Amino acid sequence: MQLIRFDSAAAFAERVTDFLQAREAEHNLILGLTTTLLTTNEYKLPPYLACVEKDGAMIAVAFRTPPHNLILSEIPEDHAVLDLITQDVYLLYGESLPGVSGPKTISQAFAEHWTTLTRKSSHLHMAQRIYRLDKVNAPENIPGTFRRATRNDRDLLVAWLGAFHQEAMGEVNQEQAERSVENFLTSNTRGLYLWEDNGQPVSMAGSTGPTPHGIRIGAVYTPPEFRKRGYASACVAALSQVLLDSGRKFCFLYTDLSNPTSNHIYQDIGYRPVSDVDEYHFGE
């Protein structure tokens, strides 16, 4: 068994894409972030790009863009693989790793390895589910129109993205929100979109992280005063259809399993569950 670490995103992508693409929905986050590495200078710190091979076959991929969490691919139920990755991540980052995200059993096992090695605590921060859509079931009788956001919407987008981060992660980083909006507005691989009712923006959704055949939808946000009117469903459905019409075979999104409303509305649009992903945070 051998762990291979890459200094080049291009070399990493060439080595791991076939493995990841075999389960494209499950690996859409790593695939999409790799695209970002290849096409932008968005990340200031060197990424962690690694894979594990056994008997000439790839069995695991690990990915990180500091200061964010480690992301793990689907991995066989083999503690030796996780121990190898844990040791290598510790060698590079010491005890500074803030958390891990990956398939439910894999992330839990890595968290256990990490706490054993570092004596740091860990806790489940969020239980998520990956969904995939191949055909849109558009909601009916939702008033409004759909459009791509422009630079004229910048202040609104920054405010809404900050509010989205507050609800999703319990924190607001104004600088990060402004930087994210700028990236959405200038990138060729992502975008922010608005649903308007009588000319007033009432809901937002974004597309990001293209994979070989799909793309991820995120940053879905509706201000509290406009909720329970179907705006988010209409916005996500319209964006999903635009992305499929552009040539994507499918769309992905992540939901927080503690929010039954979002899980329900996405399934009504046509999103189907693929797999569960858990995010663990590490403490003192």
C-alpha atoms as a PDB file:
ATOM      1  CA  MET A   1       0.000   0.000   0.000  1.00  0.00           C
ATOM      2  CA  GLN A   2       1.383   3.404  -1.017  1.00  0.00           C
ATOM      3  CA  LEU A   3       0.323   6.985  -0.362  1.00  0.00           C
ATOM      4  CA  ILE A   4       1.221   9.395  -3.161  1.00  0.00           C
ATOM      5  CA  ARG A   5       1.182  13.141  -2.519  1.00  0.00           C
ATOM      6  CA  PHE A   6       1.024  15.607  -5.423  1.00  0.00           C
ATOM      7  CA  ASP A   7       2.474  19.098  -5.746  1.00  0.00           C
ATOM      8  CA  SER A   8       0.631  19.762  -8.998  1.00  0.00           C
ATOM      9  CA  ALA A   9      -3.163  19.949  -9.373  1.00  0.00           C
ATOM     10  CA  ALA A  10      -2.785  18.878 -13.001  1.00  0.00           C
ATOM     11  CA  ALA A  11      -0.811  15.753 -12.057  1.00  0.00           C
ATOM     12  CA  PHE A  12      -3.324  14.994  -9.288  1.00  0.00           C
ATOM     13  CA  ALA A  13      -6.280  15.354 -11.660  1.00  0.00           C
ATOM     14  CA  GLU A  14      -4.647  13.132 -14.270  1.00  0.00           C
ATOM     15  CA  ARG A  15      -4.027  10.397 -11.702  1.00  0.00           C
ATOM     16  CA  VAL A  16      -7.320  10.414  -9.759  1.00  0.00           C
ATOM     17  CA  THR A  17     -10.101  11.586 -12.099  1.00  0.00           C
ATOM     18  CA  ASP A  18     -10.999   8.139 -13.464  1.00  0.00           C
ATOM     19  CA  PHE A  19     -11.274   6.761  -9.936  1.00  0.00           C
ATOM     20  CA  LEU A  20     -13.423   9.669  -8.761  1.00  0.00           C
ATOM     21  CA  GLN A  21     -15.546   9.768 -11.895  1.00  0.00           C
ATOM     22  CA  ALA A  22     -16.579   6.129 -11.440  1.00  0.00           C
ATOM     23  CA  ARG A  23     -18.772   7.454  -8.584  1.00  0.00           C
ATOM     24  CA  GLU A  24     -19.180  10.995  -9.826  1.00  0.00           C
ATOM     25  CA  ALA A  25     -22.052  12.017  -7.569  1.00  0.00           C
ATOM     26  CA  GLU A  26     -20.350  10.785  -4.400  1.00  0.00           C
ATOM     27  CA  HIS A  27     -17.108  12.507  -5.385  1.00  0.00           C
ATOM     28  CA  ASN A  28     -18.567  15.680  -6.894  1.00  0.00           C
ATOM     29  CA  LEU A  29     -17.021  17.937  -4.239  1.00  0.00           C
ATOM     30  CA  ILE A  30     -13.438  16.771  -4.785  1.00  0.00           C
ATOM     31  CA  LEU A  31     -13.919  16.787  -8.562  1.00  0.00           C
ATOM     32  CA  GLY A  32     -15.398  20.283  -8.506  1.00  0.00           C
ATOM     33  CA  LEU A  33     -12.739  21.722  -6.221  1.00  0.00           C
ATOM     34  CA  THR A  34     -10.051  20.192  -8.413  1.00  0.00           C
ATOM     35  CA  THR A  35     -11.555  22.073 -11.351  1.00  0.00           C
ATOM     36  CA  THR A  36     -11.296  25.264  -9.295  1.00  0.00           C
ATOM     37  CA  LEU A  37      -7.623  24.570  -8.594  1.00  0.00           C
ATOM     38  CA  LEU A  38      -6.977  24.032 -12.284  1.00  0.00           C
ATOM     39  CA  THR A  39      -8.791  27.151 -13.482  1.00  0.00           C
ATOM     40  CA  THR A  40      -8.272  29.839 -10.811  1.00  0.00           C
ATOM     41  CA  ASN A  41      -5.812  31.199  -8.276  1.00  0.00           C
ATOM     42  CA  GLU A  42      -8.514  31.348  -5.625  1.00  0.00           C
ATOM     43  CA  TYR A  43      -6.670  29.441  -2.911  1.00  0.00           C
ATOM     44  CA  LYS A  44      -3.685  31.173  -1.353  1.00  0.00           C
ATOM     45  CA  LEU A  45      -2.168  28.196   0.494  1.00  0.00           C
ATOM     46  CA  PRO A  46      -0.861  25.010  -1.169  1.00  0.00           C
ATOM     47  CA  PRO A  47      -3.526  22.274  -1.260  1.00  0.00           C
ATOM     48  CA  TYR A  48      -3.169  18.773   0.105  1.00  0.00           C
ATOM     49  CA  LEU A  49      -3.606  16.360  -2.811  1.00  0.00           C
ATOM     50  CA  ALA A  50      -3.073  12.668  -2.155  1.00  0.00           C
ATOM     51  CA  CYS A  51      -4.173   9.207  -3.157  1.00  0.00           C
ATOM     52  CA  VAL A  52      -3.586   5.702  -1.859  1.00  0.00           C
ATOM     53  CA  GLU A  53      -2.884   2.764  -4.160  1.00  0.00           C
ATOM     54  CA  LYS A  54      -2.768  -0.923  -3.355  1.00  0.00           C
ATOM     55  CA  ASP A  55      -1.517  -3.610  -5.744  1.00  0.00           C
ATOM     56  CA  GLY A  56      -1.559  -1.048  -8.558  1.00  0.00           C
ATOM     57  CA  ALA A  57      -5.189  -0.028  -7.975  1.00  0.00           C
ATOM     58  CA  MET A  58      -6.354   3.256  -6.489  1.00  0.00           C
ATOM     59  CA  ILE A  59      -8.450   2.856  -3.350  1.00  0.00           C
ATOM     60  CA  ALA A  60      -8.602   6.318  -1.746  1.00  0.00           C
ATOM     61  CA  VAL A  61      -8.269  10.044  -2.425  1.00  0.00           C
ATOM     62  CA  ALA A  62      -7.714  12.783   0.169  1.00  0.00           C
ATOM     63  CA  PHE A  63      -8.021  16.500  -0.589  1.00  0.00           C
ATOM     64  CA  ARG A  64      -7.699  19.753   1.323  1.00  0.00           C
ATOM     65  CA  THR A  65      -7.540  23.467   0.569  1.00  0.00           C
ATOM     66  CA  PRO A  66      -6.259  25.045   3.810  1.00  0.00           C
ATOM     67  CA  PRO A  67      -7.635  26.395   6.071  1.00  0.00           C
ATOM     68  CA  HIS A  68     -10.639  24.177   5.299  1.00  0.00           C
ATOM     69  CA  ASN A  69     -11.405  20.600   6.316  1.00  0.00           C
ATOM     70  CA  LEU A  70      -9.893  17.472   4.858  1.00  0.00           C
ATOM     71  CA  ILE A  71     -12.200  15.799   2.322  1.00  0.00           C
ATOM     72  CA  LEU A  72     -12.123  12.034   1.828  1.00  0.00           C
ATOM     73  CA  SER A  73     -13.353   9.908  -1.052  1.00  0.00           C
ATOM     74  CA  GLU A  74     -15.158   6.623  -0.787  1.00  0.00           C
ATOM     75  CA  ILE A  75     -12.643   4.249   0.845  1.00  0.00           C
ATOM     76  CA  PRO A  76     -12.780   0.493   1.541  1.00  0.00           C
ATOM     77  CA  GLU A  77     -13.494  -0.432   5.141  1.00  0.00           C
ATOM     78  CA  ASP A  78      -9.780  -0.776   5.838  1.00  0.00           C
ATOM     79  CA  HIS A  79      -8.347   0.925   8.913  1.00  0.00           C
ATOM     80  CA  ALA A  80      -4.831   0.634   7.489  1.00  0.00           C
ATOM     81  CA  VAL A  81      -5.779   3.038   4.669  1.00  0.00           C
ATOM     82  CA  LEU A  82      -7.165   5.607   7.074  1.00  0.00           C
ATOM     83  CA  ASP A  83      -4.189   5.230   9.378  1.00  0.00           C
ATOM     84  CA  LEU A  84      -1.851   5.913   6.451  1.00  0.00           C
ATOM     85  CA  ILE A  85      -3.772   9.081   5.509  1.00  0.00           C
ATOM     86  CA  THR A  86      -4.032  10.198   9.143  1.00  0.00           C
ATOM     87  CA  GLN A  87      -0.298   9.874   9.673  1.00  0.00           C
ATOM     88  CA  ASP A  88       0.501  11.777   6.482  1.00  0.00           C
ATOM     89  CA  VAL A  89      -1.919  14.611   7.250  1.00  0.00           C
ATOM     90  CA  TYR A  90      -0.509  14.864  10.768  1.00  0.00           C
ATOM     91  CA  LEU A  91       3.028  14.932   9.382  1.00  0.00           C
ATOM     92  CA  LEU A  92       2.100  17.928   7.231  1.00  0.00           C
ATOM     93  CA  TYR A  93      -0.285  19.898   9.475  1.00  0.00           C
ATOM     94  CA  GLY A  94       0.375  18.698  13.008  1.00  0.00           C
ATOM     95  CA  GLU A  95      -2.702  19.210  15.181  1.00  0.00           C
ATOM     96  CA  SER A  96      -4.025  22.192  13.224  1.00  0.00           C
ATOM     97  CA  LEU A  97      -6.496  20.256  11.050  1.00  0.00           C
ATOM     98  CA  PRO A  98      -9.951  21.707  11.902  1.00  0.00           C
ATOM     99  CA  GLY A  99     -12.064  18.781  10.716  1.00  0.00           C
ATOM    100  CA  VAL A 100     -12.902  16.169   8.129  1.00  0.00           C
ATOM    101  CA  SER A 101     -15.740  15.563   5.685  1.00  0.00           C
ATOM    102  CA  GLY A 102     -16.488  12.363   3.827  1.00  0.00           C
ATOM    103  CA  PRO A 103     -18.759   9.330   3.514  1.00  0.00           C
ATOM    104  CA  LYS A 104     -20.539   8.683   6.796  1.00  0.00           C
ATOM    105  CA  THR A 105     -18.570   5.697   8.071  1.00  0.00           C
ATOM    106  CA  ILE A 106     -15.282   6.929   6.586  1.00  0.00           C
ATOM    107  CA  SER A 107     -15.364  10.357   8.219  1.00  0.00           C
ATOM    108  CA  GLN A 108     -16.309   8.823  11.562  1.00  0.00           C
ATOM    109  CA  ALA A 109     -13.438   6.331  11.348  1.00  0.00           C
ATOM    110  CA  PHE A 110     -10.973   9.085  10.390  1.00  0.00           C
ATOM    111  CA  ALA A 111     -12.166  11.203  13.335  1.00  0.00           C
ATOM    112  CA  GLU A 112     -11.501   8.252  15.639  1.00  0.00           C
ATOM    113  CA  HIS A 113      -8.002   7.809  14.184  1.00  0.00           C
ATOM    114  CA  TRP A 114      -7.349  11.541  14.556  1.00  0.00           C
ATOM    115  CA  THR A 115      -8.464  11.713  18.184  1.00  0.00           C
ATOM    116  CA  THR A 116      -6.369   8.652  19.029  1.00  0.00           C
ATOM    117  CA  LEU A 117      -3.303  10.200  17.424  1.00  0.00           C
ATOM    118  CA  THR A 118      -3.692  13.780  18.677  1.00  0.00           C
ATOM    119  CA  ARG A 119      -5.781  13.341  21.839  1.00  0.00           C
ATOM    120  CA  LYS A 120      -8.006  16.115  20.503  1.00  0.00           C
ATOM    121  CA  SER A 121     -11.771  15.866  20.847  1.00  0.00           C
ATOM    122  CA  SER A 122     -14.063  15.477  17.852  1.00  0.00           C
ATOM    123  CA  HIS A 123     -17.766  15.964  17.342  1.00  0.00           C
ATOM    124  CA  LEU A 124     -20.255  15.523  14.527  1.00  0.00           C
ATOM    125  CA  HIS A 125     -20.840  19.025  13.194  1.00  0.00           C
ATOM    126  CA  MET A 126     -23.270  18.260  10.382  1.00  0.00           C
ATOM    127  CA  ALA A 127     -24.908  15.225   8.839  1.00  0.00           C
ATOM    128  CA  GLN A 128     -25.494  15.822   5.134  1.00  0.00           C
ATOM    129  CA  ARG A 129     -26.936  14.012   2.138  1.00  0.00           C
ATOM    130  CA  ILE A 130     -25.817  14.215  -1.481  1.00  0.00           C
ATOM    131  CA  TYR A 131     -28.606  14.410  -4.062  1.00  0.00           C
ATOM    132  CA  ARG A 132     -28.479  14.042  -7.840  1.00  0.00           C
ATOM    133  CA  LEU A 133     -30.952  15.309 -10.424  1.00  0.00           C
ATOM    134  CA  ASP A 134     -31.240  14.049 -14.014  1.00  0.00           C
ATOM    135  CA  LYS A 135     -34.600  15.611 -14.963  1.00  0.00           C
ATOM    136  CA  VAL A 136     -36.352  18.639 -13.509  1.00  0.00           C
ATOM    137  CA  ASN A 137     -39.871  18.431 -12.143  1.00  0.00           C
ATOM    138  CA  ALA A 138     -40.599  22.167 -12.140  1.00  0.00           C
ATOM    139  CA  PRO A 139     -43.038  23.497  -9.534  1.00  0.00           C
ATOM    140  CA  GLU A 140     -46.146  25.188 -10.887  1.00  0.00           C
ATOM    141  CA  ASN A 141     -47.894  28.437 -10.059  1.00  0.00           C
ATOM    142  CA  ILE A 142     -44.930  30.083  -8.333  1.00  0.00           C
ATOM    143  CA  PRO A 143     -45.030  33.792  -9.204  1.00  0.00           C
ATOM    144  CA  GLY A 144     -41.864  35.369 -10.474  1.00  0.00           C
ATOM    145  CA  THR A 145     -39.025  35.215 -12.965  1.00  0.00           C
ATOM    146  CA  PHE A 146     -35.498  33.830 -12.991  1.00  0.00           C
ATOM    147  CA  ARG A 147     -32.275  35.563 -14.017  1.00  0.00           C
ATOM    148  CA  ARG A 148     -28.536  35.476 -13.561  1.00  0.00           C
ATOM    149  CA  ALA A 149     -27.190  37.913 -10.975  1.00  0.00           C
ATOM    150  CA  THR A 150     -24.926  40.728 -12.146  1.00  0.00           C
ATOM    151  CA  ARG A 151     -22.484  43.134 -10.563  1.00  0.00           C
ATOM    152  CA  ASN A 152     -25.407  45.496  -9.948  1.00  0.00           C
ATOM    153  CA  ASP A 153     -26.661  42.925  -7.407  1.00  0.00           C
ATOM    154  CA  ARG A 154     -23.342  42.749  -5.554  1.00  0.00           C
ATOM    155  CA  ASP A 155     -24.414  44.319  -2.237  1.00  0.00           C
ATOM    156  CA  LEU A 156     -27.513  42.135  -2.058  1.00  0.00           C
ATOM    157  CA  LEU A 157     -25.505  39.015  -2.880  1.00  0.00           C
ATOM    158  CA  VAL A 158     -22.908  39.755  -0.207  1.00  0.00           C
ATOM    159  CA  ALA A 159     -25.632  40.304   2.406  1.00  0.00           C
ATOM    160  CA  TRP A 160     -27.502  37.138   1.432  1.00  0.00           C
ATOM    161  CA  LEU A 161     -24.372  34.997   1.221  1.00  0.00           C
ATOM    162  CA  GLY A 162     -23.370  36.219   4.680  1.00  0.00           C
ATOM    163  CA  ALA A 163     -26.819  35.314   6.003  1.00  0.00           C
ATOM    164  CA  PHE A 164     -26.552  31.909   4.312  1.00  0.00           C
ATOM    165  CA  HIS A 165     -23.205  31.251   6.024  1.00  0.00           C
ATOM    166  CA  GLN A 166     -24.686  32.344   9.351  1.00  0.00           C
ATOM    167  CA  GLU A 167     -27.535  29.857   9.070  1.00  0.00           C
ATOM    168  CA  ALA A 168     -25.452  27.014   7.625  1.00  0.00           C
ATOM    169  CA  MET A 169     -22.280  27.349   9.693  1.00  0.00           C
ATOM    170  CA  GLY A 170     -23.160  29.649  12.577  1.00  0.00           C
ATOM    171  CA  GLU A 171     -20.648  32.304  11.582  1.00  0.00           C
ATOM    172  CA  VAL A 172     -20.304  35.228   9.210  1.00  0.00           C
ATOM    173  CA  ASN A 173     -17.008  36.240   7.642  1.00  0.00           C
ATOM    174  CA  GLN A 174     -17.663  39.473   5.766  1.00  0.00           C
ATOM    175  CA  GLU A 175     -14.394  39.317   3.877  1.00  0.00           C
ATOM    176  CA  GLN A 176     -15.084  35.732   2.815  1.00  0.00           C
ATOM    177  CA  ALA A 177     -18.605  36.622   1.670  1.00  0.00           C
ATOM    178  CA  GLU A 178     -17.291  39.501  -0.440  1.00  0.00           C
ATOM    179  CA  ARG A 179     -14.538  37.332  -1.919  1.00  0.00           C
ATOM    180  CA  SER A 180     -16.996  34.518  -2.696  1.00  0.00           C
ATOM    181  CA  VAL A 181     -19.392  36.872  -4.463  1.00  0.00           C
ATOM    182  CA  GLU A 182     -16.544  38.302  -6.512  1.00  0.00           C
ATOM    183  CA  ASN A 183     -15.509  34.796  -7.519  1.00  0.00           C
ATOM    184  CA  PHE A 184     -19.091  33.939  -8.502  1.00  0.00           C
ATOM    185  CA  LEU A 185     -19.381  37.084 -10.609  1.00  0.00           C
ATOM    186  CA  THR A 186     -16.083  36.695 -12.450  1.00  0.00           C
ATOM    187  CA  SER A 187     -15.711  32.923 -12.862  1.00  0.00           C
ATOM    188  CA  ASN A 188     -16.497  30.967 -16.010  1.00  0.00           C
ATOM    189  CA  THR A 189     -17.351  27.871 -13.962  1.00  0.00           C
ATOM    190  CA  ARG A 190     -19.793  29.283 -11.411  1.00  0.00           C
ATOM    191  CA  GLY A 191     -22.581  31.797 -11.055  1.00  0.00           C
ATOM    192  CA  LEU A 192     -25.274  33.211  -8.769  1.00  0.00           C
ATOM    193  CA  TYR A 193     -28.912  33.418  -9.826  1.00  0.00           C
ATOM    194  CA  LEU A 194     -31.992  35.184  -8.490  1.00  0.00           C
ATOM    195  CA  TRP A 195     -35.720  34.532  -8.442  1.00  0.00           C
ATOM    196  CA  GLU A 196     -37.689  37.770  -8.528  1.00  0.00           C
ATOM    197  CA  ASP A 197     -41.336  38.470  -7.751  1.00  0.00           C
ATOM    198  CA  ASN A 198     -42.645  41.739  -9.175  1.00  0.00           C
ATOM    199  CA  GLY A 199     -39.069  42.792  -9.820  1.00  0.00           C
ATOM    200  CA  GLN A 200     -37.942  42.177  -6.224  1.00  0.00           C
ATOM    201  CA  PRO A 201     -35.274  39.509  -5.550  1.00  0.00           C
ATOM    202  CA  VAL A 202     -36.754  36.918  -3.189  1.00  0.00           C
ATOM    203  CA  SER A 203     -34.457  33.877  -3.472  1.00  0.00           C
ATOM    204  CA  MET A 204     -30.922  32.968  -4.546  1.00  0.00           C
ATOM    205  CA  ALA A 205     -29.072  29.874  -5.747  1.00  0.00           C
ATOM    206  CA  GLY A 206     -25.587  29.298  -7.099  1.00  0.00           C
ATOM    207  CA  SER A 207     -23.811  26.851  -9.369  1.00  0.00           C
ATOM    208  CA  THR A 208     -20.209  25.825  -8.789  1.00  0.00           C
ATOM    209  CA  GLY A 209     -17.769  22.920  -8.927  1.00  0.00           C
ATOM    210  CA  PRO A 210     -18.266  21.437 -12.397  1.00  0.00           C
ATOM    211  CA  THR A 211     -17.402  17.754 -12.710  1.00  0.00           C
ATOM    212  CA  PRO A 212     -16.830  15.809 -15.952  1.00  0.00           C
ATOM    213  CA  HIS A 213     -20.590  15.421 -16.482  1.00  0.00           C
ATOM    214  CA  GLY A 214     -22.315  17.412 -13.741  1.00  0.00           C
ATOM    215  CA  ILE A 215     -22.223  20.499 -11.578  1.00  0.00           C
ATOM    216  CA  ARG A 216     -23.066  21.345  -7.968  1.00  0.00           C
ATOM    217  CA  ILE A 217     -25.795  23.702  -6.791  1.00  0.00           C
ATOM    218  CA  GLY A 218     -25.300  25.554  -3.520  1.00  0.00           C
ATOM    219  CA  ALA A 219     -25.730  28.856  -1.704  1.00  0.00           C
ATOM    220  CA  VAL A 220     -29.504  28.395  -1.796  1.00  0.00           C
ATOM    221  CA  TYR A 221     -30.956  31.175   0.337  1.00  0.00           C
ATOM    222  CA  THR A 222     -34.323  32.842   0.826  1.00  0.00           C
ATOM    223  CA  PRO A 223     -34.724  35.638   3.392  1.00  0.00           C
ATOM    224  CA  PRO A 224     -37.092  34.657   6.228  1.00  0.00           C
ATOM    225  CA  GLU A 225     -39.784  37.108   5.146  1.00  0.00           C
ATOM    226  CA  PHE A 226     -40.071  35.400   1.736  1.00  0.00           C
ATOM    227  CA  ARG A 227     -40.085  31.774   2.852  1.00  0.00           C
ATOM    228  CA  LYS A 228     -42.850  29.181   2.472  1.00  0.00           C
ATOM    229  CA  ARG A 229     -43.966  30.628  -0.858  1.00  0.00           C
ATOM    230  CA  GLY A 230     -42.130  28.216  -3.150  1.00  0.00           C
ATOM    231  CA  TYR A 231     -39.494  30.716  -4.255  1.00  0.00           C
ATOM    232  CA  ALA A 232     -36.504  28.515  -3.401  1.00  0.00           C
ATOM    233  CA  SER A 233     -38.052  25.537  -5.198  1.00  0.00           C
ATOM    234  CA  ALA A 234     -38.684  27.656  -8.276  1.00  0.00           C
ATOM    235  CA  CYS A 235     -35.187  29.143  -8.221  1.00  0.00           C
ATOM    236  CA  VAL A 236     -33.383  25.809  -7.825  1.00  0.00           C
ATOM    237  CA  ALA A 237     -35.597  24.129 -10.432  1.00  0.00           C
ATOM    238  CA  ALA A 238     -34.975  26.927 -12.940  1.00  0.00           C
ATOM    239  CA  LEU A 239     -31.221  26.862 -12.326  1.00  0.00           C
ATOM    240  CA  SER A 240     -31.105  23.074 -12.585  1.00  0.00           C
ATOM    241  CA  GLN A 241     -32.893  23.237 -15.946  1.00  0.00           C
ATOM    242  CA  VAL A 242     -30.502  25.913 -17.245  1.00  0.00           C
ATOM    243  CA  LEU A 243     -27.535  23.737 -16.280  1.00  0.00           C
ATOM    244  CA  LEU A 244     -28.996  20.644 -17.917  1.00  0.00           C
ATOM    245  CA  ASP A 245     -29.811  22.643 -21.041  1.00  0.00           C
ATOM    246  CA  SER A 246     -26.178  23.822 -21.148  1.00  0.00           C
ATOM    247  CA  GLY A 247     -25.033  20.218 -21.601  1.00  0.00           C
ATOM    248  CA  ARG A 248     -24.656  18.929 -18.049  1.00  0.00           C
ATOM    249  CA  LYS A 249     -26.028  15.407 -17.630  1.00  0.00           C
ATOM    250  CA  PHE A 250     -26.936  15.917 -13.987  1.00  0.00           C
ATOM    251  CA  CYS A 251     -26.801  18.346 -11.057  1.00  0.00           C
ATOM    252  CA  PHE A 252     -25.771  17.702  -7.458  1.00  0.00           C
ATOM    253  CA  LEU A 253     -26.525  19.370  -4.165  1.00  0.00           C
ATOM    254  CA  TYR A 254     -25.908  18.811  -0.470  1.00  0.00           C
ATOM    255  CA  THR A 255     -28.575  19.089   2.215  1.00  0.00           C
ATOM    256  CA  ASP A 256     -28.408  19.321   5.969  1.00  0.00           C
ATOM    257  CA  LEU A 257     -30.297  16.273   7.240  1.00  0.00           C
ATOM    258  CA  SER A 258     -31.499  18.269  10.246  1.00  0.00           C
ATOM    259  CA  ASN A 259     -33.568  20.419   7.852  1.00  0.00           C
ATOM    260  CA  PRO A 260     -36.467  18.242   6.642  1.00  0.00           C
ATOM    261  CA  THR A 261     -37.981  21.101   4.630  1.00  0.00           C
ATOM    262  CA  SER A 262     -35.047  21.456   2.239  1.00  0.00           C
ATOM    263  CA  ASN A 263     -34.721  17.687   1.825  1.00  0.00           C
ATOM    264  CA  HIS A 264     -38.411  17.510   0.908  1.00  0.00           C
ATOM    265  CA  ILE A 265     -38.523  20.376  -1.587  1.00  0.00           C
ATOM    266  CA  TYR A 266     -35.462  19.183  -3.459  1.00  0.00           C
ATOM    267  CA  GLN A 267     -36.940  15.725  -3.876  1.00  0.00           C
ATOM    268  CA  ASP A 268     -40.135  17.296  -5.227  1.00  0.00           C
ATOM    269  CA  ILE A 269     -38.023  19.043  -7.888  1.00  0.00           C
ATOM    270  CA  GLY A 270     -36.463  15.741  -8.921  1.00  0.00           C
ATOM    271  CA  TYR A 271     -33.349  15.348  -6.772  1.00  0.00           C
ATOM    272  CA  ARG A 272     -32.747  11.787  -5.589  1.00  0.00           C
ATOM    273  CA  PRO A 273     -30.601  10.692  -2.601  1.00  0.00           C
ATOM    274  CA  VAL A 274     -27.188   9.279  -3.436  1.00  0.00           C
ATOM    275  CA  SER A 275     -25.203   8.953  -0.194  1.00  0.00           C
ATOM    276  CA  ASP A 276     -24.717  10.431   3.255  1.00  0.00           C
ATOM    277  CA  VAL A 277     -21.752  12.588   4.216  1.00  0.00           C
ATOM    278  CA  ASP A 278     -20.749  13.568   7.746  1.00  0.00           C
ATOM    279  CA  GLU A 279     -18.608  16.517   8.765  1.00  0.00           C
ATOM    280  CA  TYR A 280     -16.606  16.266  11.996  1.00  0.00           C
ATOM    281  CA  HIS A 281     -14.888  19.144  13.759  1.00  0.00           C
ATOM    282  CA  PHE A 282     -11.843  18.692  15.959  1.00  0.00           C
ATOM    283  CA  GLY A 283     -11.397  20.524  19.248  1.00  0.00           C
ATOM    284  CA  GLU A 284      -8.790  20.845  21.950  1.00  0.00           C
END
